[in-house]
Amino acid sequence: MHRTTFYSLQKGPAASQILDMPVEMNLIDLAPQLSDFADTAAVLANLDLVISVDTAVAHLAGALGKPVWILLTHAPDWRWLLNREDSPGIPPPASFASPHRVIGPR
């Protein structure tokens, strides 16, 4: 993806997974600068799109009105209301993806 920059907000042990990402991906680790949700909200406010698994960061982005793509498992829990094109808890344009089905705008 030419001229795209990715920012990692991943904290904890899983944060080391970015070391496996290709250098060409242009990935910047912002986790060391994040000490609370205010810091995270400030970063999210400056992003064009948030792509995340089902985490507090994804829900914070939705609450801030940012576009969010949430990656779900093939059989997500009841909150995601299967067989719908949207999720009432996340404002559009939201997209929810799994290996076998996508909920949201295509």
N, C-alpha and C. Protein backbone atom coordinates (compact mmCIF):
# COMPACT_ATOMS: atom_id res chain seq x y z
N MET A 1 0.84 -1.17 0.00
CA MET A 1 0.00 0.00 0.00
C MET A 1 0.89 1.24 0.00
N HIS A 2 1.06 1.76 -1.15
CA HIS A 2 1.91 2.90 -1.37
C HIS A 2 1.42 4.11 -0.57
N ARG A 3 2.32 4.81 0.08
CA ARG A 3 2.03 6.04 0.83
C ARG A 3 1.08 5.81 2.01
N THR A 4 1.08 4.63 2.57
CA THR A 4 0.27 4.33 3.75
C THR A 4 1.22 4.10 4.92
N THR A 5 0.88 4.70 6.05
CA THR A 5 1.64 4.49 7.28
C THR A 5 0.73 3.82 8.29
N PHE A 6 1.23 2.79 8.94
CA PHE A 6 0.49 2.08 9.96
C PHE A 6 1.08 2.44 11.32
N TYR A 7 0.21 2.59 12.31
CA TYR A 7 0.64 2.92 13.67
C TYR A 7 0.17 1.82 14.60
N SER A 8 1.07 1.28 15.38
CA SER A 8 0.73 0.24 16.34
C SER A 8 0.49 0.88 17.70
N LEU A 9 -0.66 0.53 18.30
CA LEU A 9 -0.99 0.98 19.65
C LEU A 9 -0.99 -0.20 20.62
N GLN A 10 -0.52 -1.35 20.15
CA GLN A 10 -0.56 -2.59 20.92
C GLN A 10 0.34 -2.50 22.14
N LYS A 11 -0.22 -2.83 23.30
CA LYS A 11 0.53 -2.84 24.56
C LYS A 11 0.69 -4.29 25.02
N GLY A 12 1.58 -4.51 25.97
CA GLY A 12 1.74 -5.82 26.58
C GLY A 12 2.58 -6.76 25.74
N PRO A 13 2.55 -8.04 26.12
CA PRO A 13 3.40 -9.04 25.46
C PRO A 13 3.16 -9.15 23.95
N ALA A 14 1.93 -8.97 23.50
CA ALA A 14 1.63 -9.10 22.07
C ALA A 14 2.26 -7.98 21.24
N ALA A 15 2.71 -6.92 21.88
CA ALA A 15 3.32 -5.80 21.15
C ALA A 15 4.56 -6.24 20.38
N SER A 16 5.23 -7.28 20.83
CA SER A 16 6.44 -7.75 20.15
C SER A 16 6.13 -8.34 18.77
N GLN A 17 4.86 -8.63 18.48
CA GLN A 17 4.50 -9.19 17.19
C GLN A 17 4.83 -8.24 16.04
N ILE A 18 4.94 -6.96 16.30
CA ILE A 18 5.27 -6.03 15.21
C ILE A 18 6.67 -6.27 14.66
N LEU A 19 7.50 -6.95 15.44
CA LEU A 19 8.85 -7.26 14.95
C LEU A 19 8.81 -8.22 13.77
N ASP A 20 7.70 -8.94 13.60
CA ASP A 20 7.54 -9.88 12.50
C ASP A 20 6.99 -9.23 11.23
N MET A 21 6.62 -7.96 11.31
CA MET A 21 6.01 -7.27 10.17
C MET A 21 7.09 -6.89 9.16
N PRO A 22 6.77 -6.91 7.88
CA PRO A 22 7.76 -6.53 6.87
C PRO A 22 8.12 -5.04 6.99
N VAL A 23 9.38 -4.74 6.78
CA VAL A 23 9.85 -3.36 6.88
C VAL A 23 9.10 -2.45 5.91
N GLU A 24 8.74 -2.97 4.74
CA GLU A 24 8.03 -2.18 3.73
C GLU A 24 6.67 -1.71 4.20
N MET A 25 6.17 -2.28 5.27
CA MET A 25 4.83 -1.94 5.75
C MET A 25 4.77 -0.53 6.32
N ASN A 26 5.88 0.06 6.64
CA ASN A 26 5.93 1.41 7.20
C ASN A 26 5.10 1.48 8.48
N LEU A 27 5.53 0.73 9.49
CA LEU A 27 4.83 0.60 10.76
C LEU A 27 5.58 1.35 11.85
N ILE A 28 4.86 2.23 12.55
CA ILE A 28 5.43 3.03 13.63
C ILE A 28 4.79 2.59 14.94
N ASP A 29 5.61 2.23 15.91
CA ASP A 29 5.12 1.78 17.21
C ASP A 29 4.92 2.99 18.13
N LEU A 30 3.67 3.30 18.45
CA LEU A 30 3.35 4.41 19.35
C LEU A 30 3.08 3.95 20.78
N ALA A 31 3.05 2.66 21.01
CA ALA A 31 2.71 2.12 22.34
C ALA A 31 3.56 2.71 23.47
N PRO A 32 4.86 2.89 23.28
CA PRO A 32 5.65 3.43 24.39
C PRO A 32 5.21 4.84 24.82
N GLN A 33 4.55 5.58 23.94
CA GLN A 33 4.10 6.93 24.29
C GLN A 33 2.70 6.95 24.91
N LEU A 34 2.04 5.80 25.01
CA LEU A 34 0.67 5.75 25.52
C LEU A 34 0.66 5.32 26.98
N SER A 35 0.22 6.23 27.86
CA SER A 35 0.17 5.87 29.27
C SER A 35 -1.27 5.73 29.79
N ASP A 36 -2.25 6.27 29.05
CA ASP A 36 -3.64 6.16 29.48
C ASP A 36 -4.57 6.36 28.28
N PHE A 37 -5.89 6.29 28.53
CA PHE A 37 -6.84 6.43 27.42
C PHE A 37 -6.86 7.84 26.84
N ALA A 38 -6.48 8.83 27.60
CA ALA A 38 -6.40 10.19 27.05
C ALA A 38 -5.33 10.26 25.96
N ASP A 39 -4.17 9.64 26.22
CA ASP A 39 -3.11 9.57 25.21
C ASP A 39 -3.60 8.80 23.98
N THR A 40 -4.27 7.68 24.23
CA THR A 40 -4.77 6.85 23.13
C THR A 40 -5.80 7.61 22.31
N ALA A 41 -6.71 8.31 22.98
CA ALA A 41 -7.73 9.11 22.28
C ALA A 41 -7.09 10.20 21.44
N ALA A 42 -6.03 10.80 21.93
CA ALA A 42 -5.34 11.84 21.17
C ALA A 42 -4.74 11.27 19.89
N VAL A 43 -4.17 10.07 19.97
CA VAL A 43 -3.62 9.42 18.77
C VAL A 43 -4.75 9.07 17.81
N LEU A 44 -5.81 8.45 18.33
CA LEU A 44 -6.93 8.04 17.48
C LEU A 44 -7.54 9.23 16.74
N ALA A 45 -7.60 10.36 17.39
CA ALA A 45 -8.19 11.56 16.78
C ALA A 45 -7.44 11.99 15.52
N ASN A 46 -6.19 11.57 15.41
CA ASN A 46 -5.37 11.97 14.27
C ASN A 46 -5.22 10.89 13.20
N LEU A 47 -5.90 9.76 13.38
CA LEU A 47 -5.82 8.69 12.39
C LEU A 47 -7.00 8.76 11.42
N ASP A 48 -6.77 8.31 10.19
CA ASP A 48 -7.83 8.26 9.19
C ASP A 48 -8.75 7.06 9.39
N LEU A 49 -8.20 5.96 9.88
CA LEU A 49 -8.93 4.71 10.03
C LEU A 49 -8.29 3.90 11.14
N VAL A 50 -9.11 3.22 11.93
CA VAL A 50 -8.60 2.32 12.97
C VAL A 50 -8.98 0.90 12.57
N ILE A 51 -7.98 0.03 12.52
CA ILE A 51 -8.20 -1.39 12.24
C ILE A 51 -7.75 -2.14 13.48
N SER A 52 -8.66 -2.92 14.06
CA SER A 52 -8.36 -3.53 15.35
C SER A 52 -9.15 -4.82 15.52
N VAL A 53 -8.67 -5.66 16.42
CA VAL A 53 -9.51 -6.74 16.91
C VAL A 53 -10.45 -6.11 17.94
N ASP A 54 -11.34 -6.89 18.50
CA ASP A 54 -12.33 -6.39 19.45
C ASP A 54 -11.65 -6.02 20.77
N THR A 55 -11.23 -4.77 20.88
CA THR A 55 -10.52 -4.28 22.06
C THR A 55 -11.12 -2.97 22.52
N ALA A 56 -10.67 -2.50 23.67
CA ALA A 56 -11.10 -1.21 24.18
C ALA A 56 -10.73 -0.09 23.21
N VAL A 57 -9.59 -0.22 22.54
CA VAL A 57 -9.18 0.81 21.58
C VAL A 57 -10.18 0.92 20.44
N ALA A 58 -10.67 -0.21 19.94
CA ALA A 58 -11.67 -0.18 18.87
C ALA A 58 -12.94 0.52 19.34
N HIS A 59 -13.36 0.24 20.56
CA HIS A 59 -14.58 0.87 21.09
C HIS A 59 -14.36 2.35 21.38
N LEU A 60 -13.16 2.72 21.83
CA LEU A 60 -12.83 4.12 22.03
C LEU A 60 -12.87 4.87 20.70
N ALA A 61 -12.31 4.27 19.67
CA ALA A 61 -12.35 4.89 18.34
C ALA A 61 -13.79 5.10 17.88
N GLY A 62 -14.64 4.09 18.09
CA GLY A 62 -16.05 4.21 17.73
C GLY A 62 -16.72 5.32 18.51
N ALA A 63 -16.42 5.43 19.80
CA ALA A 63 -17.01 6.49 20.62
C ALA A 63 -16.56 7.87 20.18
N LEU A 64 -15.36 7.93 19.61
CA LEU A 64 -14.84 9.21 19.09
C LEU A 64 -15.36 9.51 17.69
N GLY A 65 -16.12 8.58 17.11
CA GLY A 65 -16.67 8.78 15.78
C GLY A 65 -15.68 8.53 14.66
N LYS A 66 -14.59 7.83 14.97
CA LYS A 66 -13.59 7.51 13.94
C LYS A 66 -14.03 6.27 13.16
N PRO A 67 -13.70 6.19 11.89
CA PRO A 67 -13.97 4.96 11.14
C PRO A 67 -13.18 3.80 11.75
N VAL A 68 -13.86 2.67 11.96
CA VAL A 68 -13.24 1.51 12.62
C VAL A 68 -13.55 0.25 11.82
N TRP A 69 -12.55 -0.55 11.60
CA TRP A 69 -12.75 -1.89 11.07
C TRP A 69 -12.35 -2.83 12.20
N ILE A 70 -13.31 -3.62 12.68
CA ILE A 70 -13.04 -4.53 13.78
C ILE A 70 -13.00 -5.95 13.23
N LEU A 71 -11.90 -6.63 13.47
CA LEU A 71 -11.73 -8.00 13.02
C LEU A 71 -12.29 -8.93 14.08
N LEU A 72 -13.31 -9.68 13.72
CA LEU A 72 -13.97 -10.60 14.63
C LEU A 72 -13.68 -12.05 14.25
N THR A 73 -13.89 -12.93 15.19
CA THR A 73 -13.79 -14.35 14.88
C THR A 73 -14.99 -14.74 14.02
N HIS A 74 -14.94 -15.92 13.44
CA HIS A 74 -16.05 -16.38 12.60
C HIS A 74 -17.34 -16.52 13.39
N ALA A 75 -17.25 -16.85 14.67
CA ALA A 75 -18.43 -16.99 15.52
C ALA A 75 -18.31 -16.01 16.69
N PRO A 76 -18.54 -14.71 16.43
CA PRO A 76 -18.39 -13.72 17.51
C PRO A 76 -19.49 -13.85 18.56
N ASP A 77 -19.27 -13.22 19.71
CA ASP A 77 -20.27 -13.30 20.77
C ASP A 77 -21.53 -12.50 20.41
N TRP A 78 -22.55 -12.63 21.22
CA TRP A 78 -23.89 -12.10 20.94
C TRP A 78 -23.92 -10.59 20.70
N ARG A 79 -22.98 -9.84 21.26
CA ARG A 79 -23.01 -8.38 21.13
C ARG A 79 -22.97 -7.90 19.68
N TRP A 80 -22.43 -8.71 18.79
CA TRP A 80 -22.24 -8.26 17.41
C TRP A 80 -23.46 -8.52 16.53
N LEU A 81 -24.52 -9.08 17.08
CA LEU A 81 -25.79 -9.22 16.37
C LEU A 81 -25.60 -9.78 14.95
N LEU A 82 -25.48 -11.07 14.85
CA LEU A 82 -25.25 -11.73 13.56
C LEU A 82 -26.37 -11.42 12.57
N ASN A 83 -26.08 -11.60 11.30
CA ASN A 83 -27.02 -11.40 10.20
C ASN A 83 -27.48 -9.96 10.06
N ARG A 84 -26.61 -9.03 10.37
CA ARG A 84 -26.88 -7.60 10.18
C ARG A 84 -25.75 -7.01 9.37
N GLU A 85 -26.00 -5.87 8.78
CA GLU A 85 -24.97 -5.16 8.03
C GLU A 85 -24.29 -4.09 8.88
N ASP A 86 -24.69 -3.95 10.15
CA ASP A 86 -24.13 -2.91 11.00
C ASP A 86 -24.08 -3.41 12.44
N SER A 87 -23.61 -2.56 13.33
CA SER A 87 -23.64 -2.82 14.76
C SER A 87 -24.06 -1.53 15.43
N PRO A 88 -25.15 -1.53 16.19
CA PRO A 88 -25.64 -0.30 16.80
C PRO A 88 -24.65 0.39 17.72
N GLY A 89 -23.70 -0.36 18.28
CA GLY A 89 -22.73 0.24 19.20
C GLY A 89 -21.59 0.97 18.53
N ILE A 90 -21.40 0.79 17.25
CA ILE A 90 -20.29 1.41 16.53
C ILE A 90 -20.86 2.25 15.40
N PRO A 91 -20.54 3.55 15.38
CA PRO A 91 -21.10 4.40 14.32
C PRO A 91 -20.50 4.08 12.96
N PRO A 92 -21.27 4.28 11.88
CA PRO A 92 -20.70 4.08 10.55
C PRO A 92 -19.65 5.13 10.28
N PRO A 93 -18.70 4.92 9.38
CA PRO A 93 -18.55 3.71 8.57
C PRO A 93 -17.75 2.65 9.31
N ALA A 94 -18.40 1.67 9.86
CA ALA A 94 -17.72 0.57 10.54
C ALA A 94 -17.78 -0.68 9.68
N SER A 95 -16.79 -1.50 9.81
CA SER A 95 -16.76 -2.74 9.07
C SER A 95 -16.24 -3.81 10.00
N PHE A 96 -16.88 -4.95 10.02
CA PHE A 96 -16.48 -6.03 10.90
C PHE A 96 -16.15 -7.23 10.04
N ALA A 97 -14.97 -7.74 10.18
CA ALA A 97 -14.53 -8.79 9.27
C ALA A 97 -14.16 -10.05 10.02
N SER A 98 -14.33 -11.17 9.36
CA SER A 98 -13.84 -12.45 9.83
C SER A 98 -13.35 -13.21 8.60
N PRO A 99 -12.71 -14.34 8.79
CA PRO A 99 -12.24 -15.06 7.61
C PRO A 99 -13.36 -15.49 6.66
N HIS A 100 -14.61 -15.58 7.15
CA HIS A 100 -15.68 -16.12 6.32
C HIS A 100 -16.84 -15.16 6.07
N ARG A 101 -16.94 -14.10 6.83
CA ARG A 101 -18.04 -13.18 6.61
C ARG A 101 -17.64 -11.77 7.00
N VAL A 102 -18.25 -10.80 6.37
CA VAL A 102 -17.98 -9.40 6.65
C VAL A 102 -19.29 -8.73 6.98
N ILE A 103 -19.32 -7.96 8.06
CA ILE A 103 -20.49 -7.16 8.41
C ILE A 103 -20.08 -5.71 8.23
N GLY A 104 -20.87 -4.94 7.51
CA GLY A 104 -20.57 -3.52 7.33
C GLY A 104 -20.44 -3.19 5.87
N PRO A 105 -20.03 -1.95 5.59
CA PRO A 105 -19.93 -1.50 4.19
C PRO A 105 -18.86 -2.30 3.45
N ARG A 106 -19.13 -2.56 2.21
CA ARG A 106 -18.16 -3.31 1.40
C ARG A 106 -17.54 -2.40 0.37
